[in-house]
C-alpha atoms as a PDB file:
ATOM      1  CA  MET A   1      25.784  25.142  20.305  1.00  0.00           C
ATOM      2  CA  TYR A   2      22.321  24.168  21.508  1.00  0.00           C
ATOM      3  CA  PHE A   3      23.656  21.400  23.771  1.00  0.00           C
ATOM      4  CA  ILE A   4      26.449  23.616  25.148  1.00  0.00           C
ATOM      5  CA  LEU A   5      23.905  26.259  26.071  1.00  0.00           C
ATOM      6  CA  CYS A   6      21.703  23.695  27.802  1.00  0.00           C
ATOM      7  CA  TRP A   7      24.672  22.353  29.784  1.00  0.00           C
ATOM      8  CA  LEU A   8      25.704  25.853  30.903  1.00  0.00           C
ATOM      9  CA  CYS A   9      22.141  26.603  31.952  1.00  0.00           C
ATOM     10  CA  GLU A  10      22.036  23.416  33.995  1.00  0.00           C
ATOM     11  CA  VAL A  11      25.304  24.211  35.801  1.00  0.00           C
ATOM     12  CA  GLU A  12      24.232  27.752  36.677  1.00  0.00           C
ATOM     13  CA  VAL A  13      20.744  26.795  37.789  1.00  0.00           C
ATOM     14  CA  ARG A  14      21.889  23.806  39.860  1.00  0.00           C
ATOM     15  CA  ILE A  15      24.134  26.093  41.890  1.00  0.00           C
ATOM     16  CA  LEU A  16      21.379  28.575  42.674  1.00  0.00           C
ATOM     17  CA  ILE A  17      18.263  26.463  43.175  1.00  0.00           C
ATOM     18  CA  GLY A  18      17.063  22.939  43.893  1.00  0.00           C
ATOM     19  CA  ASN A  19      16.648  20.081  41.469  1.00  0.00           C
ATOM     20  CA  GLU A  20      12.859  20.401  41.045  1.00  0.00           C
ATOM     21  CA  ASP A  21      12.980  24.095  40.175  1.00  0.00           C
ATOM     22  CA  MET A  22      15.936  23.419  37.912  1.00  0.00           C
ATOM     23  CA  LYS A  23      13.921  20.836  35.953  1.00  0.00           C
ATOM     24  CA  ARG A  24      11.114  23.327  35.369  1.00  0.00           C
ATOM     25  CA  ILE A  25      13.509  26.015  34.143  1.00  0.00           C
ATOM     26  CA  LEU A  26      15.397  23.620  31.866  1.00  0.00           C
ATOM     27  CA  LEU A  27      12.101  22.483  30.395  1.00  0.00           C
ATOM     28  CA  LEU A  28      11.261  26.113  29.610  1.00  0.00           C
ATOM     29  CA  VAL A  29      14.719  26.670  28.063  1.00  0.00           C
ATOM     30  CA  ASN A  30      14.367  23.562  25.894  1.00  0.00           C
ATOM     31  CA  MET A  31      10.925  24.617  24.712  1.00  0.00           C
ATOM     32  CA  THR A  32      12.089  28.145  23.914  1.00  0.00           C
ATOM     33  CA  LEU A  33      15.171  27.031  21.971  1.00  0.00           C
ATOM     34  CA  GLY A  34      13.251  24.334  20.182  1.00  0.00           C
ATOM     35  CA  LEU A  35      10.488  26.695  19.096  1.00  0.00           C
ATOM     36  CA  GLY A  36      13.082  29.214  17.962  1.00  0.00           C
ATOM     37  CA  THR A  37      14.727  26.590  15.791  1.00  0.00           C
ATOM     38  CA  LEU A  38      11.395  25.621  14.252  1.00  0.00           C
ATOM     39  CA  VAL A  39      10.462  29.241  13.564  1.00  0.00           C
ATOM     40  CA  ASN A  40      13.829  29.945  11.925  1.00  0.00           C
ATOM     41  CA  HIS A  41      13.528  26.795   9.806  1.00  0.00           C
ATOM     42  CA  ALA A  42      10.014  27.702   8.717  1.00  0.00           C
ATOM     43  CA  ALA A  43      11.027  31.246   7.839  1.00  0.00           C
ATOM     44  CA  ALA A  44      13.958  29.954   5.784  1.00  0.00           C
ATOM     45  CA  ASN A  45      11.664  27.685   3.787  1.00  0.00           C
ATOM     46  CA  ILE A  46       9.159  30.462   3.159  1.00  0.00           C
ATOM     47  CA  THR A  47      11.639  33.133   2.110  1.00  0.00           C
ATOM     48  CA  HIS A  48      14.136  30.726   0.540  1.00  0.00           C
ATOM     49  CA  ASP A  49      16.883  33.124   1.611  1.00  0.00           C
ATOM     50  CA  GLU A  50      18.691  30.664   3.874  1.00  0.00           C
ATOM     51  CA  LYS A  51      17.631  27.283   2.466  1.00  0.00           C
ATOM     52  CA  PRO A  52      20.662  25.017   2.155  1.00  0.00           C
ATOM     53  CA  GLY A  53      21.288  23.556  -1.243  1.00  0.00           C
ATOM     54  CA  TYR A  54      21.091  25.118  -4.647  1.00  0.00           C
ATOM     55  CA  TYR A  55      20.449  28.767  -3.828  1.00  0.00           C
ATOM     56  CA  SER A  56      22.063  30.036  -0.657  1.00  0.00           C
ATOM     57  CA  ASP A  57      23.456  33.398   0.413  1.00  0.00           C
ATOM     58  CA  ASN A  58      26.666  31.623   1.420  1.00  0.00           C
ATOM     59  CA  ARG A  59      27.542  30.493  -2.093  1.00  0.00           C
ATOM     60  CA  THR A  60      30.176  32.185  -4.194  1.00  0.00           C
ATOM     61  CA  ASP A  61      29.785  33.039  -7.857  1.00  0.00           C
ATOM     62  CA  LEU A  62      32.030  30.115  -8.799  1.00  0.00           C
ATOM     63  CA  GLU A  63      29.993  27.703  -6.684  1.00  0.00           C
ATOM     64  CA  PHE A  64      26.712  29.010  -8.073  1.00  0.00           C
ATOM     65  CA  ASN A  65      27.831  28.758 -11.697  1.00  0.00           C
ATOM     66  CA  GLY A  66      29.584  25.422 -11.127  1.00  0.00           C
ATOM     67  CA  ASN A  67      26.492  23.698  -9.758  1.00  0.00           C
ATOM     68  CA  THR A  68      26.019  20.280 -11.393  1.00  0.00           C
ATOM     69  CA  CYS A  69      22.450  19.709 -10.227  1.00  0.00           C
ATOM     70  CA  GLY A  70      19.858  20.487 -12.874  1.00  0.00           C
ATOM     71  CA  ILE A  71      16.508  21.840 -11.705  1.00  0.00           C
ATOM     72  CA  MET A  72      13.046  21.132 -13.091  1.00  0.00           C
ATOM     73  CA  VAL A  73       9.655  22.513 -12.105  1.00  0.00           C
ATOM     74  CA  ASN A  74       6.781  20.194 -12.940  1.00  0.00           C
ATOM     75  CA  GLY A  75       9.127  18.442 -15.358  1.00  0.00           C
ATOM     76  CA  PHE A  76      10.200  21.665 -17.121  1.00  0.00           C
ATOM     77  CA  PHE A  77      13.924  22.463 -17.110  1.00  0.00           C
ATOM     78  CA  VAL A  78      14.772  25.828 -15.484  1.00  0.00           C
ATOM     79  CA  LYS A  79      18.448  25.031 -14.757  1.00  0.00           C
ATOM     80  CA  SER A  80      18.654  26.788 -11.356  1.00  0.00           C
ATOM     81  CA  ASP A  81      16.172  27.343  -8.547  1.00  0.00           C
ATOM     82  CA  ILE A  82      17.071  31.044  -8.274  1.00  0.00           C
ATOM     83  CA  GLY A  83      14.082  31.968 -10.444  1.00  0.00           C
ATOM     84  CA  ILE A  84      11.505  29.829  -8.614  1.00  0.00           C
ATOM     85  CA  ASP A  85       8.831  31.385  -6.418  1.00  0.00           C
ATOM     86  CA  PHE A  86       8.974  28.964  -3.496  1.00  0.00           C
ATOM     87  CA  ARG A  87       5.792  30.356  -1.985  1.00  0.00           C
ATOM     88  CA  SER A  88       3.896  28.177  -4.462  1.00  0.00           C
ATOM     89  CA  VAL A  89       6.056  25.048  -4.217  1.00  0.00           C
ATOM     90  CA  GLU A  90       4.449  22.010  -2.587  1.00  0.00           C
ATOM     91  CA  HIS A  91       7.630  20.068  -1.783  1.00  0.00           C
ATOM     92  CA  LEU A  92      11.287  21.039  -1.399  1.00  0.00           C
ATOM     93  CA  TYR A  93      12.302  18.738  -4.238  1.00  0.00           C
ATOM     94  CA  GLN A  94      12.024  15.202  -5.545  1.00  0.00           C
ATOM     95  CA  ARG A  95      14.377  13.043  -7.562  1.00  0.00           C
ATOM     96  CA  PRO A  96      12.155  11.623 -10.295  1.00  0.00           C
ATOM     97  CA  PRO A  97      12.327   7.870 -10.811  1.00  0.00           C
ATOM     98  CA  VAL A  98      13.766   6.729 -14.120  1.00  0.00           C
ATOM     99  CA  PRO A  99      12.770   6.835 -16.840  1.00  0.00           C
ATOM    100  CA  PHE A 100      11.636  10.465 -16.794  1.00  0.00           C
ATOM    101  CA  THR A 101      11.290  13.270 -19.329  1.00  0.00           C
ATOM    102  CA  ILE A 102      12.918  16.701 -19.163  1.00  0.00           C
ATOM    103  CA  LYS A 103      10.924  19.306 -21.069  1.00  0.00           C
ATOM    104  CA  GLY A 104      11.994  22.764 -22.203  1.00  0.00           C
ATOM    105  CA  VAL A 105      15.473  21.972 -23.511  1.00  0.00           C
ATOM    106  CA  GLY A 106      17.217  22.629 -26.802  1.00  0.00           C
ATOM    107  CA  GLU A 107      18.114  25.852 -28.564  1.00  0.00           C
ATOM    108  CA  ASN A 108      14.505  27.084 -28.677  1.00  0.00           C
ATOM    109  CA  GLY A 109      13.421  25.458 -25.413  1.00  0.00           C
ATOM    110  CA  LEU A 110      10.803  23.351 -27.166  1.00  0.00           C
ATOM    111  CA  ASP A 111      12.580  19.993 -27.118  1.00  0.00           C
ATOM    112  CA  SER A 112      12.481  17.155 -24.594  1.00  0.00           C
ATOM    113  CA  ILE A 113      14.856  14.399 -23.581  1.00  0.00           C
ATOM    114  CA  VAL A 114      14.174  11.072 -21.879  1.00  0.00           C
ATOM    115  CA  VAL A 115      16.499  10.064 -19.036  1.00  0.00           C
ATOM    116  CA  GLU A 116      16.635   6.278 -18.751  1.00  0.00           C
ATOM    117  CA  ALA A 117      19.435   5.877 -16.170  1.00  0.00           C
ATOM    118  CA  VAL A 118      19.983   7.544 -12.808  1.00  0.00           C
ATOM    119  CA  PRO A 119      22.283  10.559 -13.349  1.00  0.00           C
ATOM    120  CA  SER A 120      25.710  10.480 -11.701  1.00  0.00           C
ATOM    121  CA  GLU A 121      29.178  11.949 -12.118  1.00  0.00           C
ATOM    122  CA  LYS A 122      30.159   8.982 -14.275  1.00  0.00           C
ATOM    123  CA  ASN A 123      26.875   9.021 -16.173  1.00  0.00           C
ATOM    124  CA  PRO A 124      25.715  12.662 -16.318  1.00  0.00           C
ATOM    125  CA  VAL A 125      22.722  14.010 -18.175  1.00  0.00           C
ATOM    126  CA  VAL A 126      23.868  16.506 -20.815  1.00  0.00           C
ATOM    127  CA  ILE A 127      21.466  19.408 -21.319  1.00  0.00           C
ATOM    128  CA  ASN A 128      22.301  22.163 -23.786  1.00  0.00           C
ATOM    129  CA  GLY A 129      25.918  20.981 -23.739  1.00  0.00           C
ATOM    130  CA  VAL A 130      26.269  21.053 -19.924  1.00  0.00           C
ATOM    131  CA  PRO A 131      26.668  17.795 -17.914  1.00  0.00           C
ATOM    132  CA  TYR A 132      24.529  17.338 -14.774  1.00  0.00           C
ATOM    133  CA  SER A 133      25.272  14.638 -12.214  1.00  0.00           C
ATOM    134  CA  ASP A 134      21.894  15.093 -10.545  1.00  0.00           C
ATOM    135  CA  ILE A 135      18.406  16.174 -11.596  1.00  0.00           C
ATOM    136  CA  VAL A 136      15.683  17.214  -9.161  1.00  0.00           C
ATOM    137  CA  ASN A 137      12.094  18.283  -9.687  1.00  0.00           C
ATOM    138  CA  TYR A 138       9.977  20.764  -7.755  1.00  0.00           C
ATOM    139  CA  VAL A 139       6.186  20.464  -7.731  1.00  0.00           C
ATOM    140  CA  GLN A 140       4.567  23.865  -8.107  1.00  0.00           C
ATOM    141  CA  GLU A 141       0.869  24.540  -7.623  1.00  0.00           C
ATOM    142  CA  LYS A 142       0.525  27.443 -10.022  1.00  0.00           C
ATOM    143  CA  LYS A 143       1.438  27.362 -13.684  1.00  0.00           C
ATOM    144  CA  ALA A 144       4.366  29.738 -14.036  1.00  0.00           C
ATOM    145  CA  GLU A 145       5.318  31.665 -17.161  1.00  0.00           C
ATOM    146  CA  TRP A 146       9.015  30.912 -17.582  1.00  0.00           C
ATOM    147  CA  VAL A 147      11.175  33.517 -19.309  1.00  0.00           C
ATOM    148  CA  THR A 148      14.795  33.545 -20.381  1.00  0.00           C
ATOM    149  CA  LEU A 149      17.318  36.235 -19.531  1.00  0.00           C
ATOM    150  CA  GLU A 150      17.115  37.357 -23.151  1.00  0.00           C
ATOM    151  CA  ASP A 151      13.321  37.648 -22.822  1.00  0.00           C
ATOM    152  CA  ILE A 152      13.771  39.812 -19.733  1.00  0.00           C
ATOM    153  CA  LYS A 153      16.248  42.088 -21.488  1.00  0.00           C
ATOM    154  CA  LYS A 154      13.904  42.557 -24.450  1.00  0.00           C
ATOM    155  CA  GLN A 155      10.939  43.331 -22.206  1.00  0.00           C
ATOM    156  CA  TYR A 156      12.629  45.815 -19.888  1.00  0.00           C
ATOM    157  CA  PHE A 157      15.323  47.271 -22.140  1.00  0.00           C
ATOM    158  CA  PRO A 158      14.349  46.738 -25.805  1.00  0.00           C
ATOM    159  CA  LYS A 159      16.827  49.375 -26.962  1.00  0.00           C
ATOM    160  CA  VAL A 160      19.833  47.620 -25.421  1.00  0.00           C
ATOM    161  CA  THR A 161      21.973  45.990 -28.102  1.00  0.00           C
ATOM    162  CA  GLY A 162      25.367  44.349 -28.163  1.00  0.00           C
ATOM    163  CA  LYS A 163      26.915  42.081 -25.576  1.00  0.00           C
ATOM    164  CA  CYS A 164      25.356  41.691 -22.125  1.00  0.00           C
ATOM    165  CA  LEU A 165      26.603  40.338 -18.824  1.00  0.00           C
ATOM    166  CA  TYR A 166      23.684  39.013 -16.810  1.00  0.00           C
ATOM    167  CA  MET A 167      23.248  38.938 -13.061  1.00  0.00           C
ATOM    168  CA  VAL A 168      20.449  37.425 -10.969  1.00  0.00           C
ATOM    169  CA  ASN A 169      20.396  38.939  -7.504  1.00  0.00           C
ATOM    170  CA  LYS A 170      24.036  38.978  -6.364  1.00  0.00           C
ATOM    171  CA  TYR A 171      25.270  36.303  -8.773  1.00  0.00           C
ATOM    172  CA  PHE A 172      27.031  36.868 -12.080  1.00  0.00           C
ATOM    173  CA  ILE A 173      25.876  34.412 -14.739  1.00  0.00           C
ATOM    174  CA  THR A 174      29.209  33.374 -16.202  1.00  0.00           C
ATOM    175  CA  LYS A 175      28.159  30.572 -18.556  1.00  0.00           C
ATOM    176  CA  ASP A 176      25.179  28.816 -20.145  1.00  0.00           C
ATOM    177  CA  TRP A 177      23.066  31.922 -19.589  1.00  0.00           C
ATOM    178  CA  GLU A 178      20.675  30.794 -22.338  1.00  0.00           C
ATOM    179  CA  SER A 179      19.409  27.888 -20.205  1.00  0.00           C
ATOM    180  CA  TYR A 180      18.192  29.900 -17.215  1.00  0.00           C
ATOM    181  CA  ARG A 181      14.445  30.236 -16.792  1.00  0.00           C
ATOM    182  CA  LEU A 182      12.805  32.589 -14.292  1.00  0.00           C
ATOM    183  CA  ASP A 183       9.192  32.851 -13.220  1.00  0.00           C
ATOM    184  CA  LYS A 184       8.011  36.056 -14.912  1.00  0.00           C
ATOM    185  CA  ASN A 185       5.810  36.986 -11.934  1.00  0.00           C
ATOM    186  CA  PHE A 186       8.717  36.425  -9.514  1.00  0.00           C
ATOM    187  CA  ILE A 187      10.768  39.275 -10.993  1.00  0.00           C
ATOM    188  CA  LEU A 188      10.865  42.258  -8.648  1.00  0.00           C
ATOM    189  CA  LYS A 189      12.853  44.702 -10.781  1.00  0.00           C
ATOM    190  CA  VAL A 190      15.520  44.831 -13.480  1.00  0.00           C
ATOM    191  CA  GLU A 191      18.271  47.366 -14.030  1.00  0.00           C
ATOM    192  CA  ALA A 192      20.718  48.006 -16.858  1.00  0.00           C
ATOM    193  CA  LEU A 193      24.210  49.331 -16.216  1.00  0.00           C
ATOM    194  CA  PRO A 194      26.282  50.351 -19.262  1.00  0.00           C
ATOM    195  CA  SER A 195      29.966  49.492 -19.015  1.00  0.00           C
ATOM    196  CA  SER A 196      30.695  53.170 -19.721  1.00  0.00           C
ATOM    197  CA  GLU A 197      29.575  53.833 -16.135  1.00  0.00           C
ATOM    198  CA  CYS A 198      32.561  51.820 -14.884  1.00  0.00           C
ATOM    199  CA  GLU A 199      35.868  53.656 -15.165  1.00  0.00           C
ATOM    200  CA  ILE A 200      37.826  50.403 -15.269  1.00  0.00           C
ATOM    201  CA  PHE A 201      36.247  49.562 -18.665  1.00  0.00           C
ATOM    202  CA  GLU A 202      37.133  52.889 -20.234  1.00  0.00           C
ATOM    203  CA  GLY A 203      38.435  52.348 -23.746  1.00  0.00           C
ATOM    204  CA  GLN A 204      37.113  48.769 -23.891  1.00  0.00           C
ATOM    205  CA  SER A 205      34.391  47.398 -26.146  1.00  0.00           C
ATOM    206  CA  PRO A 206      31.050  48.481 -24.659  1.00  0.00           C
ATOM    207  CA  PHE A 207      28.648  46.044 -23.040  1.00  0.00           C
ATOM    208  CA  THR A 208      25.705  46.200 -20.632  1.00  0.00           C
ATOM    209  CA  ILE A 209      25.195  44.547 -17.269  1.00  0.00           C
ATOM    210  CA  ILE A 210      21.581  43.384 -16.972  1.00  0.00           C
ATOM    211  CA  ARG A 211      20.706  42.679 -13.355  1.00  0.00           C
ATOM    212  CA  VAL A 212      17.524  40.865 -12.335  1.00  0.00           C
ATOM    213  CA  PHE A 213      16.218  41.124  -8.784  1.00  0.00           C
ATOM    214  CA  THR A 214      13.759  38.416  -7.750  1.00  0.00           C
ATOM    215  CA  ASP A 215      10.941  38.846  -5.261  1.00  0.00           C
ATOM    216  CA  VAL A 216      12.684  37.466  -2.173  1.00  0.00           C
ATOM    217  CA  ILE A 217      12.423  39.222   1.184  1.00  0.00           C
ATOM    218  CA  SER A 218      16.085  40.260   1.199  1.00  0.00           C
ATOM    219  CA  ASN A 219      15.563  42.299  -1.982  1.00  0.00           C
ATOM    220  CA  HIS A 220      12.935  44.364  -0.184  1.00  0.00           C
ATOM    221  CA  ASN A 221      15.420  45.312   2.543  1.00  0.00           C
ATOM    222  CA  SER A 222      17.792  48.171   1.833  1.00  0.00           C
ATOM    223  CA  GLY A 223      21.443  47.225   2.101  1.00  0.00           C
ATOM    224  CA  ARG A 224      20.966  43.538   1.390  1.00  0.00           C
ATOM    225  CA  ILE A 225      20.732  41.650  -1.876  1.00  0.00           C
ATOM    226  CA  GLY A 226      19.357  38.107  -2.073  1.00  0.00           C
END
């Protein structure tokens, strides 16, 4: 699109003015478009709303839940990057050289595993029963307090019992919900919606939808969910 726009500008300007003036105008157009691209890229990295990869507004629930890339922060397994505060991340991500250790796994999150071969589809790393064909690590400056979805439910809604369906931002968590870890200070708000509020579930066994909103810019804007 960028090159098409430049070509159209050149055609229009060449018709109206001389070559020297055209060069000056095209230089200005190039600088403007280039700076715009850099600003948009920087904003995407800061807000994490449009960063391509693991957490993107363009992903569907199936794509989000079917992700086979496991995420670590400072070597601690958090499963997904949806709970990471990227304002304190030094690098986008790194693939740790083998052998490396993954901390925070197991039923209680206190175990570790050593990965001795590069993960792949044919040789995945299995964490909490889920195979991962890739593992990446983010380096974070601050020491985050990582909490599970169950921890969040107990803190915000201690009286909620029975089955729960969890959501983080716009995504339903359809499987392996026990493995997700979110930065406690990155949680913006949490709401609980009883299934009795949904007419379609009338007469069904009751459950509660627990929805976590993280502190991304889109969750501060009315009408848009990150």
